[in-house]
Protein backbone atom coordinates (compact mmCIF):
# COMPACT_ATOMS: atom_id res chain seq x y z
CA UNK A 1 -85.95 80.48 20.20
CA UNK A 2 -83.62 82.21 17.61
CA UNK A 3 -81.50 80.16 15.71
CA UNK A 4 -77.44 80.19 16.42
CA UNK A 5 -74.93 81.18 13.82
CA UNK A 6 -73.63 77.79 12.25
CA UNK A 7 -70.63 78.71 10.32
CA UNK A 8 -70.16 74.98 9.24
CA UNK A 9 -73.59 74.86 7.63
CA UNK A 10 -73.29 78.32 6.09
CA UNK A 11 -69.85 76.98 4.58
CA UNK A 12 -71.67 74.05 3.37
CA UNK A 13 -74.64 75.96 2.02
CA UNK A 14 -72.35 78.30 0.10
CA UNK A 15 -70.47 75.70 -1.41
CA UNK A 16 -73.84 73.82 -2.62
CA UNK A 17 -74.75 77.22 -3.97
CA UNK A 18 -71.47 77.87 -6.09
CA UNK A 19 -71.33 73.94 -7.00
CA UNK A 20 -74.98 73.98 -8.49
CA UNK A 21 -74.29 77.29 -10.11
CA UNK A 22 -70.92 75.67 -11.81
CA UNK A 23 -72.81 72.64 -12.96
CA UNK A 24 -75.63 74.70 -14.49
CA UNK A 25 -72.62 76.91 -16.39
CA UNK A 26 -70.46 73.77 -17.49
CA UNK A 27 -73.79 72.03 -18.84
CA UNK A 28 -75.16 75.30 -20.33
CA UNK A 29 -72.18 76.38 -22.24
CA UNK A 30 -72.03 73.61 -24.92
CA UNK A 31 -75.98 73.87 -25.29
CA UNK A 32 -75.29 77.44 -26.47
CA UNK A 33 -72.31 76.54 -28.48
CA UNK A 34 -69.80 78.64 -26.33
CA UNK A 35 -68.14 75.64 -24.70
CA UNK A 36 -64.72 75.85 -26.59
CA UNK A 37 -61.56 75.91 -24.89
CA UNK A 38 -59.65 79.25 -24.48
CA UNK A 39 -59.73 82.58 -22.53
CA UNK A 40 -63.16 83.64 -24.04
CA UNK A 41 -64.83 80.80 -22.68
CA UNK A 42 -63.15 80.97 -19.26
CA UNK A 43 -64.22 84.35 -18.90
CA UNK A 44 -67.55 83.89 -19.96
CA UNK A 45 -67.83 80.77 -17.47
CA UNK A 46 -66.51 82.95 -14.53
CA UNK A 47 -69.16 85.64 -15.45
CA UNK A 48 -71.78 83.26 -15.45
CA UNK A 49 -70.86 81.71 -12.48
CA UNK A 50 -70.60 85.14 -10.43
CA UNK A 51 -74.31 86.01 -11.93
CA UNK A 52 -75.87 82.81 -10.97
CA UNK A 53 -74.68 82.01 -7.37
CA UNK A 54 -74.07 85.65 -6.49
CA UNK A 55 -77.63 86.41 -5.63
CA UNK A 56 -77.97 83.12 -3.58
CA UNK A 57 -74.94 83.41 -1.90
CA UNK A 58 -75.89 86.98 -0.81
CA UNK A 59 -79.15 86.29 0.50
CA UNK A 60 -77.61 83.04 2.63
CA UNK A 61 -74.72 85.60 3.83
CA UNK A 62 -77.05 88.26 4.79
CA UNK A 63 -79.15 85.74 6.85
CA UNK A 64 -75.90 84.38 8.80
CA UNK A 65 -74.83 88.04 9.57
CA UNK A 66 -78.21 88.49 11.56
CA UNK A 67 -77.11 85.36 13.58
CA UNK A 68 -73.50 86.50 14.83
CA UNK A 69 -73.19 85.43 18.53
CA UNK A 70 -71.59 88.44 19.84
CA UNK A 71 -73.52 91.42 20.96
CA UNK A 72 -71.11 93.66 19.15
CA UNK A 73 -71.70 91.47 16.10
CA UNK A 74 -75.33 91.60 16.78
CA UNK A 75 -75.26 95.36 16.99
CA UNK A 76 -73.57 95.81 14.03
CA UNK A 77 -75.66 93.21 12.02
CA UNK A 78 -79.14 94.85 13.07
CA UNK A 79 -78.20 97.92 11.62
CA UNK A 80 -78.53 97.72 7.85
CA UNK A 81 -75.16 98.99 6.63
CA UNK A 82 -73.42 96.76 8.89
CA UNK A 83 -75.41 93.37 7.38
CA UNK A 84 -74.91 94.75 4.01
CA UNK A 85 -71.17 95.16 4.58
CA UNK A 86 -70.73 91.71 6.46
CA UNK A 87 -73.03 89.67 3.55
CA UNK A 88 -71.01 91.56 0.92
CA UNK A 89 -67.82 90.44 2.66
CA UNK A 90 -68.85 86.83 2.82
CA UNK A 91 -70.44 86.83 -0.70
CA UNK A 92 -66.97 88.24 -2.26
CA UNK A 93 -65.23 85.58 -0.38
CA UNK A 94 -67.27 82.68 -1.54
CA UNK A 95 -67.37 84.06 -5.25
CA UNK A 96 -63.33 84.22 -5.04
CA UNK A 97 -63.18 80.83 -3.98
CA UNK A 98 -65.65 79.69 -6.47
CA UNK A 99 -63.70 81.60 -9.17
CA UNK A 100 -60.58 80.28 -8.09
CA UNK A 101 -61.98 76.64 -8.21
CA UNK A 102 -63.36 77.43 -11.96
CA UNK A 103 -59.62 78.79 -12.91
CA UNK A 104 -58.48 75.49 -11.53
CA UNK A 105 -61.05 73.07 -13.18
CA UNK A 106 -60.81 75.17 -16.34
CA UNK A 107 -56.78 74.65 -16.44
CA UNK A 108 -57.19 70.94 -15.60
CA UNK A 109 -60.05 70.60 -18.26
CA UNK A 110 -57.61 72.78 -21.03
CA UNK A 111 -54.55 70.18 -20.22
CA UNK A 112 -57.02 67.19 -20.47
CA UNK A 113 -58.32 68.53 -24.09
CA UNK A 114 -55.04 69.48 -25.06
CA UNK A 115 -53.52 65.96 -23.89
CA UNK A 116 -56.48 64.27 -26.10
CA UNK A 117 -56.02 66.56 -29.02
CA UNK A 118 -52.35 65.60 -29.11
CA UNK A 119 -53.07 61.82 -28.71
CA UNK A 120 -55.72 62.07 -31.63
CA UNK A 121 -53.37 63.88 -33.68
CA UNK A 122 -50.70 61.53 -33.19
CA UNK A 123 -52.83 58.61 -34.03
CA UNK A 124 -53.97 60.15 -36.96
CA UNK A 125 -50.48 61.05 -38.33
CA UNK A 126 -49.78 57.36 -37.61
CA UNK A 127 -52.27 56.00 -39.64
CA UNK A 128 -51.56 58.42 -42.39
CA UNK A 129 -47.87 57.39 -42.18
CA UNK A 130 -48.71 53.70 -42.26
CA UNK A 131 -50.89 54.25 -45.37
CA UNK A 132 -48.29 56.46 -47.38
CA UNK A 133 -45.74 53.88 -46.78
CA UNK A 134 -48.21 51.02 -47.82
CA UNK A 135 -48.82 53.32 -50.93
CA UNK A 136 -45.32 53.67 -51.96
CA UNK A 137 -44.70 50.15 -51.40
CA UNK A 138 -47.21 48.88 -53.80
CA UNK A 139 -45.02 50.25 -56.98
CA UNK A 140 -42.28 48.18 -55.77
CA UNK A 141 -44.23 44.86 -56.59
CA UNK A 142 -44.54 46.14 -60.14
CA UNK A 143 -41.07 47.35 -60.50
CA UNK A 144 -39.71 44.27 -59.09
CA UNK A 145 -41.68 42.06 -61.47
CA UNK A 146 -40.49 44.29 -64.39
CA UNK A 147 -36.88 43.85 -63.46
CA UNK A 148 -37.46 40.08 -63.12
CA UNK A 149 -37.97 39.78 -66.89
CA UNK A 150 -34.44 41.31 -67.57
CA UNK A 151 -32.94 38.77 -65.07
CA UNK A 152 -33.93 35.89 -67.58
CA UNK A 153 -30.85 37.52 -69.83
CA UNK A 154 -33.01 37.94 -73.15
CA UNK A 155 -33.59 41.28 -74.68
CA UNK A 156 -36.74 42.94 -73.71
CA UNK A 157 -38.30 44.94 -76.83
CA UNK A 158 -41.19 47.46 -76.58
CA UNK A 159 -43.72 44.60 -77.41
CA UNK A 160 -42.60 42.39 -74.66
CA UNK A 161 -42.61 45.31 -72.12
CA UNK A 162 -46.08 46.34 -73.07
CA UNK A 163 -47.23 43.18 -72.67
CA UNK A 164 -46.03 43.14 -68.98
CA UNK A 165 -47.76 46.53 -68.06
CA UNK A 166 -50.87 45.51 -69.71
CA UNK A 167 -50.78 42.32 -67.54
CA UNK A 168 -51.33 44.39 -64.55
CA UNK A 169 -54.23 46.17 -63.37
CA UNK A 170 -52.18 49.78 -62.80
CA UNK A 171 -55.46 51.46 -61.07
CA UNK A 172 -56.24 48.58 -59.12
CA UNK A 173 -52.71 47.29 -57.91
CA UNK A 174 -50.81 50.60 -58.01
CA UNK A 175 -53.03 53.54 -57.43
CA UNK A 176 -51.76 57.07 -58.32
CA UNK A 177 -49.00 55.29 -60.64
CA UNK A 178 -49.11 57.10 -64.18
CA UNK A 179 -46.96 54.21 -65.61
CA UNK A 180 -44.14 51.79 -65.80
CA UNK A 181 -41.03 52.75 -67.99
CA UNK A 182 -37.39 51.72 -68.74
CA UNK A 183 -34.58 53.86 -68.79
CA UNK A 184 -31.09 53.09 -70.67
CA UNK A 185 -27.78 54.78 -69.68
CA UNK A 186 -26.15 55.82 -73.22
CA UNK A 187 -23.20 57.51 -73.66
CA UNK A 188 -23.28 60.59 -75.21
CA UNK A 189 -21.02 59.16 -78.22
CA UNK A 190 -23.44 56.50 -78.86
CA UNK A 191 -26.80 58.42 -78.85
CA UNK A 192 -26.87 58.47 -82.77
CA UNK A 193 -26.47 54.81 -82.84
CA UNK A 194 -28.86 54.11 -80.02
CA UNK A 195 -31.31 56.62 -81.95
CA UNK A 196 -31.16 54.48 -85.19
CA UNK A 197 -31.58 51.36 -83.26
CA UNK A 198 -34.89 52.57 -81.99
CA UNK A 199 -35.94 53.99 -85.02
CA UNK A 200 -35.61 50.96 -86.80
CA UNK A 201 -38.46 49.54 -84.98
CA UNK A 202 -40.40 52.90 -84.62
CA UNK A 203 -39.43 55.82 -86.70
CA UNK A 204 -41.25 58.13 -84.43
CA UNK A 205 -38.66 57.97 -81.49
CA UNK A 206 -36.25 60.73 -81.06
CA UNK A 207 -34.27 61.48 -77.75
CA UNK A 208 -34.53 64.76 -76.24
CA UNK A 209 -31.85 65.93 -74.13
CA UNK A 210 -29.83 69.13 -73.37
CA UNK A 211 -26.46 69.91 -71.56
CA UNK A 212 -22.98 68.42 -71.88
CA UNK A 213 -23.19 65.48 -69.51
CA UNK A 214 -20.99 62.22 -70.58
CA UNK A 215 -23.79 60.03 -70.23
CA UNK A 216 -27.58 60.00 -70.81
CA UNK A 217 -30.54 58.22 -69.09
CA UNK A 218 -33.10 57.87 -71.83
CA UNK A 219 -36.62 56.51 -71.60
CA UNK A 220 -36.53 53.65 -73.91
CA UNK A 221 -39.82 51.87 -73.02
CA UNK A 222 -42.72 53.45 -71.08
CA UNK A 223 -46.48 52.12 -70.89
CA UNK A 224 -49.15 52.83 -71.24
CA UNK A 225 -47.78 54.75 -74.11
CA UNK A 226 -51.12 56.40 -74.85
CA UNK A 227 -50.93 58.67 -71.59
CA UNK A 228 -47.03 58.52 -71.39
CA UNK A 229 -45.84 59.22 -75.14
CA UNK A 230 -44.26 62.78 -74.27
CA UNK A 231 -42.15 61.17 -72.03
CA UNK A 232 -40.59 58.66 -74.53
CA UNK A 233 -37.00 59.38 -75.42
CA UNK A 234 -36.89 61.88 -72.70
CA UNK A 235 -33.15 62.18 -70.93
CA UNK A 236 -34.12 62.23 -67.22
CA UNK A 237 -30.37 62.88 -66.56
CA UNK A 238 -30.40 66.36 -68.13
CA UNK A 239 -32.48 67.61 -65.05
CA UNK A 240 -30.68 67.67 -61.59
CA UNK A 241 -33.03 66.16 -59.19
CA UNK A 242 -33.93 63.34 -61.74
CA UNK A 243 -30.31 62.55 -62.24
CA UNK A 244 -29.24 62.67 -58.48
CA UNK A 245 -32.20 60.19 -57.85
CA UNK A 246 -31.06 57.84 -60.69
CA UNK A 247 -27.36 58.15 -59.74
CA UNK A 248 -28.35 57.59 -55.98
CA UNK A 249 -30.12 54.21 -57.33
CA UNK A 250 -27.16 53.18 -59.25
CA UNK A 251 -24.66 53.73 -56.66
CA UNK A 252 -26.55 52.29 -53.59
CA UNK A 253 -28.26 49.22 -55.74
CA UNK A 254 -31.62 50.39 -53.90
CA UNK A 255 -34.95 51.71 -55.12
CA UNK A 256 -34.99 55.37 -54.65
CA UNK A 257 -37.68 58.48 -55.00
CA UNK A 258 -36.88 61.64 -56.66
CA UNK A 259 -37.85 65.08 -55.23
CA UNK A 260 -41.22 66.54 -56.15
CA UNK A 261 -40.81 66.99 -60.10
CA UNK A 262 -43.16 67.90 -62.94
CA UNK A 263 -43.91 64.74 -65.11
CA UNK A 264 -43.06 65.92 -68.85
CA UNK A 265 -46.38 64.08 -69.96
CA UNK A 266 -48.40 65.72 -67.16
CA UNK A 267 -50.58 68.16 -69.12
CA UNK A 268 -51.86 69.39 -65.58
CA UNK A 269 -48.36 70.14 -64.29
CA UNK A 270 -48.80 68.37 -61.19
CA UNK A 271 -46.37 67.29 -58.49
CA UNK A 272 -45.15 63.84 -59.35
CA UNK A 273 -42.14 61.62 -58.55
CA UNK A 274 -40.24 58.86 -60.19
CA UNK A 275 -39.51 55.54 -58.37
CA UNK A 276 -36.32 54.19 -59.49
CA UNK A 277 -35.10 50.76 -59.32
CA UNK A 278 -31.76 49.39 -60.69
CA UNK A 279 -31.25 46.65 -63.03
CA UNK A 280 -27.99 44.84 -63.34
CA UNK A 281 -26.58 42.23 -65.84
CA UNK A 282 -27.61 38.66 -64.94
CA UNK A 283 -24.80 36.72 -63.00
CA UNK A 284 -23.51 40.04 -61.89
CA UNK A 285 -23.03 40.40 -58.20
CA UNK A 286 -22.26 44.04 -57.69
CA UNK A 287 -20.85 45.41 -54.20
CA UNK A 288 -19.34 48.81 -54.78
CA UNK A 289 -20.70 51.94 -56.45
CA UNK A 290 -18.28 51.07 -59.35
CA UNK A 291 -19.27 47.43 -59.92
CA UNK A 292 -22.67 48.49 -60.05
CA UNK A 293 -22.12 51.34 -62.44
CA UNK A 294 -20.26 48.61 -64.75
CA UNK A 295 -23.10 46.07 -64.40
CA UNK A 296 -25.58 48.40 -64.76
CA UNK A 297 -28.40 47.33 -67.47
CA UNK A 298 -30.93 50.29 -66.88
């Protein structure tokens, strides 16, 4: 007995053929190193799907075309041209459905990849942000320790300041920190007296400043001296970025960072910053910018 045409079976077989071809394409592209998301990968996937599924679907549709139930359909199917046209039409329909499914799967996969990449980026950015905050918090421990020496109210000379810095492990405790210093605010009319006082302890000291600002912010102490000597005696108030940061620290009473600068002692001229913590006179409790200016020690 001649088998009858079964559209449900034909549909199921076509779906299986397209699904197997799609699975082969999906698994094969990564092995060929062509599984990256994007238009090129999508077009290649569609082409391979048509190439793999097309012959099998066409063969199955040709067989189904010869089993059509009506006399007219059988007559059309018995002729070579009619069978071919029916098979081609059915194959095209199956391929279009398969390509539509491929496009939908590709769009879903692209969205999933984008979401995964975005989540991974955000996790990485959060880790970097946390590490940057941790790194920038470390120098504050050293700066607050140095400020604690001045809280005693005694005069801190170069020897005492050097002893404090040498007691710390700069590379281990404060990675990336070049050194610690103390900056003193000196009125322009008092520069000569300040210089003479410093030279009484070390004749190599010299103030380096320019401009006509009424006050100078001079690096009085800096350690380790061996790697920071070029900054000793430098007036950080002569340069706009440095002055803005130091005045902001005095006005707010909080630690501040300069913008990106080139440190005068850095022979490589690489980007750097100054971390500035204000030191106020012992016993003073300034609450306004004017009070902090008057109570400033350095």
